[in-house]
Amino acid sequence: KRSFRWHFVNFPRGQCRYEAARDCAEGECVMGAIEREAEVLKDRSRPPEARRQALKFLVHFVGDVHQPLHAAWGDDKG
């Protein structure tokens, strides 16, 4: 449940341009998740297990944004 919204980003119907303030409030979308996990991965002071998990999430999320309907209009419900 915690990571559900991290796997996609929705745009208003007819829009194809990402706007963080509009499309990813509080970083709760795939773009925000990619940014967060990249920061964890870069932080060498973090425990190895945290960085390992961040790498797994990052690879998964980058894959998600390349899938049909993971970056689409919100009203179509994927």
PDB file of N, CA and C in Angstrom:
ATOM      1  N   LYS A   1       0.819  -1.201   0.000  1.00  0.00           N
ATOM      2  CA  LYS A   1       0.000   0.000   0.000  1.00  0.00           C
ATOM      3  C   LYS A   1       0.856   1.255   0.000  1.00  0.00           C
ATOM      4  N   ARG A   2       1.935   1.229   0.758  1.00  0.00           N
ATOM      5  CA  ARG A   2       2.778   2.417   0.901  1.00  0.00           C
ATOM      6  C   ARG A   2       3.334   2.874  -0.448  1.00  0.00           C
ATOM      7  N   SER A   3       3.674   1.942  -1.319  1.00  0.00           N
ATOM      8  CA  SER A   3       4.335   2.322  -2.567  1.00  0.00           C
ATOM      9  C   SER A   3       3.413   2.329  -3.782  1.00  0.00           C
ATOM     10  N   PHE A   4       2.128   2.137  -3.604  1.00  0.00           N
ATOM     11  CA  PHE A   4       1.199   2.044  -4.731  1.00  0.00           C
ATOM     12  C   PHE A   4       1.344   3.212  -5.709  1.00  0.00           C
ATOM     13  N   ARG A   5       1.282   4.446  -5.215  1.00  0.00           N
ATOM     14  CA  ARG A   5       1.303   5.630  -6.088  1.00  0.00           C
ATOM     15  C   ARG A   5       2.678   5.892  -6.700  1.00  0.00           C
ATOM     16  N   TRP A   6       3.691   5.168  -6.231  1.00  0.00           N
ATOM     17  CA  TRP A   6       5.044   5.382  -6.733  1.00  0.00           C
ATOM     18  C   TRP A   6       5.284   4.722  -8.084  1.00  0.00           C
ATOM     19  N   HIS A   7       4.332   3.991  -8.623  1.00  0.00           N
ATOM     20  CA  HIS A   7       4.546   3.219  -9.843  1.00  0.00           C
ATOM     21  C   HIS A   7       4.012   3.890 -11.102  1.00  0.00           C
ATOM     22  N   PHE A   8       3.391   5.067 -10.979  1.00  0.00           N
ATOM     23  CA  PHE A   8       2.812   5.729 -12.151  1.00  0.00           C
ATOM     24  C   PHE A   8       2.721   7.228 -11.905  1.00  0.00           C
ATOM     25  N   VAL A   9       2.418   7.953 -12.976  1.00  0.00           N
ATOM     26  CA  VAL A   9       2.133   9.381 -12.883  1.00  0.00           C
ATOM     27  C   VAL A   9       0.953   9.649 -13.815  1.00  0.00           C
ATOM     28  N   ASN A  10       0.017  10.436 -13.348  1.00  0.00           N
ATOM     29  CA  ASN A  10      -1.170  10.780 -14.138  1.00  0.00           C
ATOM     30  C   ASN A  10      -1.125  12.243 -14.562  1.00  0.00           C
ATOM     31  N   PHE A  11      -1.567  12.477 -15.795  1.00  0.00           N
ATOM     32  CA  PHE A  11      -1.678  13.821 -16.338  1.00  0.00           C
ATOM     33  C   PHE A  11      -3.154  14.132 -16.558  1.00  0.00           C
ATOM     34  N   PRO A  12      -3.528  15.414 -16.552  1.00  0.00           N
ATOM     35  CA  PRO A  12      -4.901  15.762 -16.935  1.00  0.00           C
ATOM     36  C   PRO A  12      -5.138  15.387 -18.402  1.00  0.00           C
ATOM     37  N   ARG A  13      -6.335  15.046 -18.721  1.00  0.00           N
ATOM     38  CA  ARG A  13      -6.695  14.664 -20.101  1.00  0.00           C
ATOM     39  C   ARG A  13      -6.201  15.727 -21.081  1.00  0.00           C
ATOM     40  N   GLY A  14      -5.535  15.275 -22.128  1.00  0.00           N
ATOM     41  CA  GLY A  14      -5.029  16.180 -23.158  1.00  0.00           C
ATOM     42  C   GLY A  14      -3.654  16.757 -22.878  1.00  0.00           C
ATOM     43  N   GLN A  15      -3.100  16.487 -21.729  1.00  0.00           N
ATOM     44  CA  GLN A  15      -1.762  16.987 -21.379  1.00  0.00           C
ATOM     45  C   GLN A  15      -0.751  15.848 -21.471  1.00  0.00           C
ATOM     46  N   CYS A  16       0.417  16.144 -21.968  1.00  0.00           N
ATOM     47  CA  CYS A  16       1.486  15.142 -22.047  1.00  0.00           C
ATOM     48  C   CYS A  16       2.770  15.651 -21.407  1.00  0.00           C
ATOM     49  N   ARG A  17       2.721  16.841 -20.869  1.00  0.00           N
ATOM     50  CA  ARG A  17       3.905  17.453 -20.271  1.00  0.00           C
ATOM     51  C   ARG A  17       3.828  17.320 -18.755  1.00  0.00           C
ATOM     52  N   TYR A  18       4.874  16.774 -18.164  1.00  0.00           N
ATOM     53  CA  TYR A  18       4.935  16.575 -16.718  1.00  0.00           C
ATOM     54  C   TYR A  18       5.174  17.903 -16.006  1.00  0.00           C
ATOM     55  N   GLU A  19       4.370  18.192 -14.999  1.00  0.00           N
ATOM     56  CA  GLU A  19       4.553  19.348 -14.120  1.00  0.00           C
ATOM     57  C   GLU A  19       4.475  18.828 -12.695  1.00  0.00           C
ATOM     58  N   ALA A  20       5.587  18.839 -12.002  1.00  0.00           N
ATOM     59  CA  ALA A  20       5.682  18.226 -10.676  1.00  0.00           C
ATOM     60  C   ALA A  20       4.610  18.731  -9.717  1.00  0.00           C
ATOM     61  N   ALA A  21       4.403  20.030  -9.636  1.00  0.00           N
ATOM     62  CA  ALA A  21       3.425  20.583  -8.684  1.00  0.00           C
ATOM     63  C   ALA A  21       2.014  20.083  -8.970  1.00  0.00           C
ATOM     64  N   ARG A  22       1.699  19.917 -10.234  1.00  0.00           N
ATOM     65  CA  ARG A  22       0.364  19.483 -10.634  1.00  0.00           C
ATOM     66  C   ARG A  22       0.229  17.961 -10.618  1.00  0.00           C
ATOM     67  N   ASP A  23       1.243  17.249 -11.099  1.00  0.00           N
ATOM     68  CA  ASP A  23       1.129  15.818 -11.366  1.00  0.00           C
ATOM     69  C   ASP A  23       1.714  14.913 -10.293  1.00  0.00           C
ATOM     70  N   CYS A  24       2.468  15.487  -9.370  1.00  0.00           N
ATOM     71  CA  CYS A  24       3.163  14.649  -8.391  1.00  0.00           C
ATOM     72  C   CYS A  24       3.199  15.343  -7.028  1.00  0.00           C
ATOM     73  N   ALA A  25       2.030  15.691  -6.546  1.00  0.00           N
ATOM     74  CA  ALA A  25       1.941  16.384  -5.261  1.00  0.00           C
ATOM     75  C   ALA A  25       2.665  15.600  -4.168  1.00  0.00           C
ATOM     76  N   GLU A  26       3.506  16.289  -3.440  1.00  0.00           N
ATOM     77  CA  GLU A  26       4.267  15.708  -2.330  1.00  0.00           C
ATOM     78  C   GLU A  26       5.151  14.544  -2.761  1.00  0.00           C
ATOM     79  N   GLY A  27       5.508  14.483  -4.030  1.00  0.00           N
ATOM     80  CA  GLY A  27       6.397  13.430  -4.517  1.00  0.00           C
ATOM     81  C   GLY A  27       5.773  12.054  -4.581  1.00  0.00           C
ATOM     82  N   GLU A  28       4.440  12.003  -4.569  1.00  0.00           N
ATOM     83  CA  GLU A  28       3.745  10.718  -4.552  1.00  0.00           C
ATOM     84  C   GLU A  28       3.390  10.252  -5.955  1.00  0.00           C
ATOM     85  N   CYS A  29       4.411  10.007  -6.753  1.00  0.00           N
ATOM     86  CA  CYS A  29       4.244   9.447  -8.099  1.00  0.00           C
ATOM     87  C   CYS A  29       5.570   8.803  -8.475  1.00  0.00           C
ATOM     88  N   VAL A  30       5.624   8.208  -9.640  1.00  0.00           N
ATOM     89  CA  VAL A  30       6.840   7.514 -10.053  1.00  0.00           C
ATOM     90  C   VAL A  30       8.026   8.475 -10.196  1.00  0.00           C
ATOM     91  N   MET A  31       7.774   9.694 -10.641  1.00  0.00           N
ATOM     92  CA  MET A  31       8.872  10.650 -10.785  1.00  0.00           C
ATOM     93  C   MET A  31       9.460  11.021  -9.425  1.00  0.00           C
ATOM     94  N   GLY A  32       8.599  11.257  -8.453  1.00  0.00           N
ATOM     95  CA  GLY A  32       9.066  11.548  -7.097  1.00  0.00           C
ATOM     96  C   GLY A  32       9.808  10.364  -6.501  1.00  0.00           C
ATOM     97  N   ALA A  33       9.309   9.166  -6.762  1.00  0.00           N
ATOM     98  CA  ALA A  33       9.951   7.956  -6.247  1.00  0.00           C
ATOM     99  C   ALA A  33      11.344   7.779  -6.853  1.00  0.00           C
ATOM    100  N   ILE A  34      11.475   8.039  -8.145  1.00  0.00           N
ATOM    101  CA  ILE A  34      12.789   7.938  -8.792  1.00  0.00           C
ATOM    102  C   ILE A  34      13.762   8.920  -8.153  1.00  0.00           C
ATOM    103  N   GLU A  35      13.326  10.143  -7.945  1.00  0.00           N
ATOM    104  CA  GLU A  35      14.200  11.152  -7.326  1.00  0.00           C
ATOM    105  C   GLU A  35      14.609  10.742  -5.912  1.00  0.00           C
ATOM    106  N   ARG A  36      13.645  10.267  -5.111  1.00  0.00           N
ATOM    107  CA  ARG A  36      13.941   9.854  -3.728  1.00  0.00           C
ATOM    108  C   ARG A  36      14.916   8.690  -3.683  1.00  0.00           C
ATOM    109  N   GLU A  37      14.651   7.666  -4.482  1.00  0.00           N
ATOM    110  CA  GLU A  37      15.506   6.480  -4.444  1.00  0.00           C
ATOM    111  C   GLU A  37      16.894   6.780  -4.977  1.00  0.00           C
ATOM    112  N   ALA A  38      17.011   7.659  -5.961  1.00  0.00           N
ATOM    113  CA  ALA A  38      18.331   8.060  -6.461  1.00  0.00           C
ATOM    114  C   ALA A  38      19.127   8.765  -5.371  1.00  0.00           C
ATOM    115  N   GLU A  39      18.464   9.583  -4.568  1.00  0.00           N
ATOM    116  CA  GLU A  39      19.148  10.265  -3.454  1.00  0.00           C
ATOM    117  C   GLU A  39      19.658   9.256  -2.426  1.00  0.00           C
ATOM    118  N   VAL A  40      18.849   8.273  -2.104  1.00  0.00           N
ATOM    119  CA  VAL A  40      19.276   7.233  -1.150  1.00  0.00           C
ATOM    120  C   VAL A  40      20.477   6.491  -1.719  1.00  0.00           C
ATOM    121  N   LEU A  41      20.415   6.112  -2.973  1.00  0.00           N
ATOM    122  CA  LEU A  41      21.490   5.367  -3.607  1.00  0.00           C
ATOM    123  C   LEU A  41      22.798   6.161  -3.621  1.00  0.00           C
ATOM    124  N   LYS A  42      22.725   7.464  -3.844  1.00  0.00           N
ATOM    125  CA  LYS A  42      23.923   8.312  -3.881  1.00  0.00           C
ATOM    126  C   LYS A  42      24.543   8.539  -2.511  1.00  0.00           C
ATOM    127  N   ASP A  43      23.769   8.385  -1.457  1.00  0.00           N
ATOM    128  CA  ASP A  43      24.220   8.717  -0.103  1.00  0.00           C
ATOM    129  C   ASP A  43      25.045   7.576   0.489  1.00  0.00           C
ATOM    130  N   ARG A  44      26.351   7.711   0.419  1.00  0.00           N
ATOM    131  CA  ARG A  44      27.250   6.652   0.904  1.00  0.00           C
ATOM    132  C   ARG A  44      27.223   6.482   2.425  1.00  0.00           C
ATOM    133  N   SER A  45      26.583   7.398   3.120  1.00  0.00           N
ATOM    134  CA  SER A  45      26.473   7.247   4.578  1.00  0.00           C
ATOM    135  C   SER A  45      25.314   6.330   4.964  1.00  0.00           C
ATOM    136  N   ARG A  46      24.444   6.010   4.001  1.00  0.00           N
ATOM    137  CA  ARG A  46      23.310   5.127   4.272  1.00  0.00           C
ATOM    138  C   ARG A  46      23.792   3.684   4.393  1.00  0.00           C
ATOM    139  N   PRO A  47      23.111   2.863   5.169  1.00  0.00           N
ATOM    140  CA  PRO A  47      23.502   1.453   5.291  1.00  0.00           C
ATOM    141  C   PRO A  47      23.426   0.745   3.931  1.00  0.00           C
ATOM    142  N   PRO A  48      24.287  -0.239   3.716  1.00  0.00           N
ATOM    143  CA  PRO A  48      24.281  -0.951   2.434  1.00  0.00           C
ATOM    144  C   PRO A  48      22.906  -1.527   2.067  1.00  0.00           C
ATOM    145  N   GLU A  49      22.175  -2.039   3.024  1.00  0.00           N
ATOM    146  CA  GLU A  49      20.868  -2.625   2.717  1.00  0.00           C
ATOM    147  C   GLU A  49      19.885  -1.554   2.216  1.00  0.00           C
ATOM    148  N   ALA A  50      19.937  -0.361   2.782  1.00  0.00           N
ATOM    149  CA  ALA A  50      19.066   0.730   2.317  1.00  0.00           C
ATOM    150  C   ALA A  50      19.417   1.119   0.886  1.00  0.00           C
ATOM    151  N   ARG A  51      20.706   1.164   0.587  1.00  0.00           N
ATOM    152  CA  ARG A  51      21.130   1.510  -0.772  1.00  0.00           C
ATOM    153  C   ARG A  51      20.797   0.395  -1.759  1.00  0.00           C
ATOM    154  N   ARG A  52      20.900  -0.840  -1.320  1.00  0.00           N
ATOM    155  CA  ARG A  52      20.542  -1.980  -2.166  1.00  0.00           C
ATOM    156  C   ARG A  52      19.044  -1.945  -2.510  1.00  0.00           C
ATOM    157  N   GLN A  53      18.222  -1.673  -1.500  1.00  0.00           N
ATOM    158  CA  GLN A  53      16.781  -1.591  -1.741  1.00  0.00           C
ATOM    159  C   GLN A  53      16.460  -0.411  -2.655  1.00  0.00           C
ATOM    160  N   ALA A  54      17.143   0.709  -2.469  1.00  0.00           N
ATOM    161  CA  ALA A  54      16.927   1.875  -3.331  1.00  0.00           C
ATOM    162  C   ALA A  54      17.266   1.539  -4.782  1.00  0.00           C
ATOM    163  N   LEU A  55      18.333   0.779  -5.003  1.00  0.00           N
ATOM    164  CA  LEU A  55      18.702   0.387  -6.361  1.00  0.00           C
ATOM    165  C   LEU A  55      17.608  -0.480  -6.985  1.00  0.00           C
ATOM    166  N   LYS A  56      17.080  -1.418  -6.223  1.00  0.00           N
ATOM    167  CA  LYS A  56      16.002  -2.277  -6.728  1.00  0.00           C
ATOM    168  C   LYS A  56      14.776  -1.453  -7.099  1.00  0.00           C
ATOM    169  N   PHE A  57      14.373  -0.549  -6.206  1.00  0.00           N
ATOM    170  CA  PHE A  57      13.234   0.319  -6.504  1.00  0.00           C
ATOM    171  C   PHE A  57      13.511   1.177  -7.741  1.00  0.00           C
ATOM    172  N   LEU A  58      14.697   1.749  -7.811  1.00  0.00           N
ATOM    173  CA  LEU A  58      15.041   2.640  -8.915  1.00  0.00           C
ATOM    174  C   LEU A  58      14.953   1.916 -10.256  1.00  0.00           C
ATOM    175  N   VAL A  59      15.517   0.728 -10.347  1.00  0.00           N
ATOM    176  CA  VAL A  59      15.441  -0.046 -11.592  1.00  0.00           C
ATOM    177  C   VAL A  59      13.983  -0.341 -11.940  1.00  0.00           C
ATOM    178  N   HIS A  60      13.199  -0.719 -10.945  1.00  0.00           N
ATOM    179  CA  HIS A  60      11.789  -1.026 -11.169  1.00  0.00           C
ATOM    180  C   HIS A  60      11.026   0.210 -11.665  1.00  0.00           C
ATOM    181  N   PHE A  61      11.213   1.340 -10.995  1.00  0.00           N
ATOM    182  CA  PHE A  61      10.475   2.548 -11.360  1.00  0.00           C
ATOM    183  C   PHE A  61      10.860   3.074 -12.735  1.00  0.00           C
ATOM    184  N   VAL A  62      12.131   3.004 -13.089  1.00  0.00           N
ATOM    185  CA  VAL A  62      12.545   3.432 -14.432  1.00  0.00           C
ATOM    186  C   VAL A  62      11.881   2.532 -15.471  1.00  0.00           C
ATOM    187  N   GLY A  63      11.767   1.255 -15.171  1.00  0.00           N
ATOM    188  CA  GLY A  63      11.027   0.353 -16.055  1.00  0.00           C
ATOM    189  C   GLY A  63       9.563   0.731 -16.140  1.00  0.00           C
ATOM    190  N   ASP A  64       8.967   1.082 -15.001  1.00  0.00           N
ATOM    191  CA  ASP A  64       7.548   1.462 -14.980  1.00  0.00           C
ATOM    192  C   ASP A  64       7.245   2.615 -15.924  1.00  0.00           C
ATOM    193  N   VAL A  65       8.060   3.653 -15.918  1.00  0.00           N
ATOM    194  CA  VAL A  65       7.735   4.820 -16.738  1.00  0.00           C
ATOM    195  C   VAL A  65       7.830   4.536 -18.227  1.00  0.00           C
ATOM    196  N   HIS A  66       8.398   3.405 -18.590  1.00  0.00           N
ATOM    197  CA  HIS A  66       8.468   3.016 -19.998  1.00  0.00           C
ATOM    198  C   HIS A  66       7.326   2.090 -20.406  1.00  0.00           C
ATOM    199  N   GLN A  67       6.443   1.786 -19.489  1.00  0.00           N
ATOM    200  CA  GLN A  67       5.320   0.899 -19.767  1.00  0.00           C
ATOM    201  C   GLN A  67       4.086   1.718 -20.167  1.00  0.00           C
ATOM    202  N   PRO A  68       3.308   1.185 -21.107  1.00  0.00           N
ATOM    203  CA  PRO A  68       2.062   1.882 -21.464  1.00  0.00           C
ATOM    204  C   PRO A  68       1.182   2.061 -20.221  1.00  0.00           C
ATOM    205  N   LEU A  69       0.565   3.205 -20.130  1.00  0.00           N
ATOM    206  CA  LEU A  69      -0.398   3.563 -19.084  1.00  0.00           C
ATOM    207  C   LEU A  69       0.221   3.794 -17.706  1.00  0.00           C
ATOM    208  N   HIS A  70       1.547   3.760 -17.574  1.00  0.00           N
ATOM    209  CA  HIS A  70       2.166   4.135 -16.309  1.00  0.00           C
ATOM    210  C   HIS A  70       2.420   5.638 -16.243  1.00  0.00           C
ATOM    211  N   ALA A  71       2.338   6.274 -17.392  1.00  0.00           N
ATOM    212  CA  ALA A  71       2.418   7.733 -17.480  1.00  0.00           C
ATOM    213  C   ALA A  71       1.315   8.124 -18.473  1.00  0.00           C
ATOM    214  N   ALA A  72       0.133   8.380 -17.926  1.00  0.00           N
ATOM    215  CA  ALA A  72      -1.030   8.566 -18.797  1.00  0.00           C
ATOM    216  C   ALA A  72      -2.039   9.480 -18.138  1.00  0.00           C
ATOM    217  N   TRP A  73      -3.211   9.569 -18.764  1.00  0.00           N
ATOM    218  CA  TRP A  73      -4.287  10.370 -18.201  1.00  0.00           C
ATOM    219  C   TRP A  73      -4.893   9.659 -17.015  1.00  0.00           C
ATOM    220  N   GLY A  74      -5.145  10.380 -15.946  1.00  0.00           N
ATOM    221  CA  GLY A  74      -5.651   9.800 -14.711  1.00  0.00           C
ATOM    222  C   GLY A  74      -7.071   9.285 -14.795  1.00  0.00           C
ATOM    223  N   ASP A  75      -7.878   9.875 -15.658  1.00  0.00           N
ATOM    224  CA  ASP A  75      -9.284   9.486 -15.688  1.00  0.00           C
ATOM    225  C   ASP A  75      -9.537   8.151 -16.387  1.00  0.00           C
ATOM    226  N   ASP A  76      -8.520   7.599 -17.066  1.00  0.00           N
ATOM    227  CA  ASP A  76      -8.734   6.316 -17.727  1.00  0.00           C
ATOM    228  C   ASP A  76      -8.455   5.119 -16.818  1.00  0.00           C
ATOM    229  N   LYS A  77      -7.941   5.382 -15.611  1.00  0.00           N
ATOM    230  CA  LYS A  77      -7.661   4.358 -14.599  1.00  0.00           C
ATOM    231  C   LYS A  77      -6.755   3.243 -15.109  1.00  0.00           C
ATOM    232  N   GLY A  78      -5.890   3.551 -16.063  1.00  0.00           N
ATOM    233  CA  GLY A  78      -4.918   2.580 -16.569  1.00  0.00           C
ATOM    234  C   GLY A  78      -5.568   1.474 -17.331  1.00  0.00           C
TER     235      GLY A  78
END
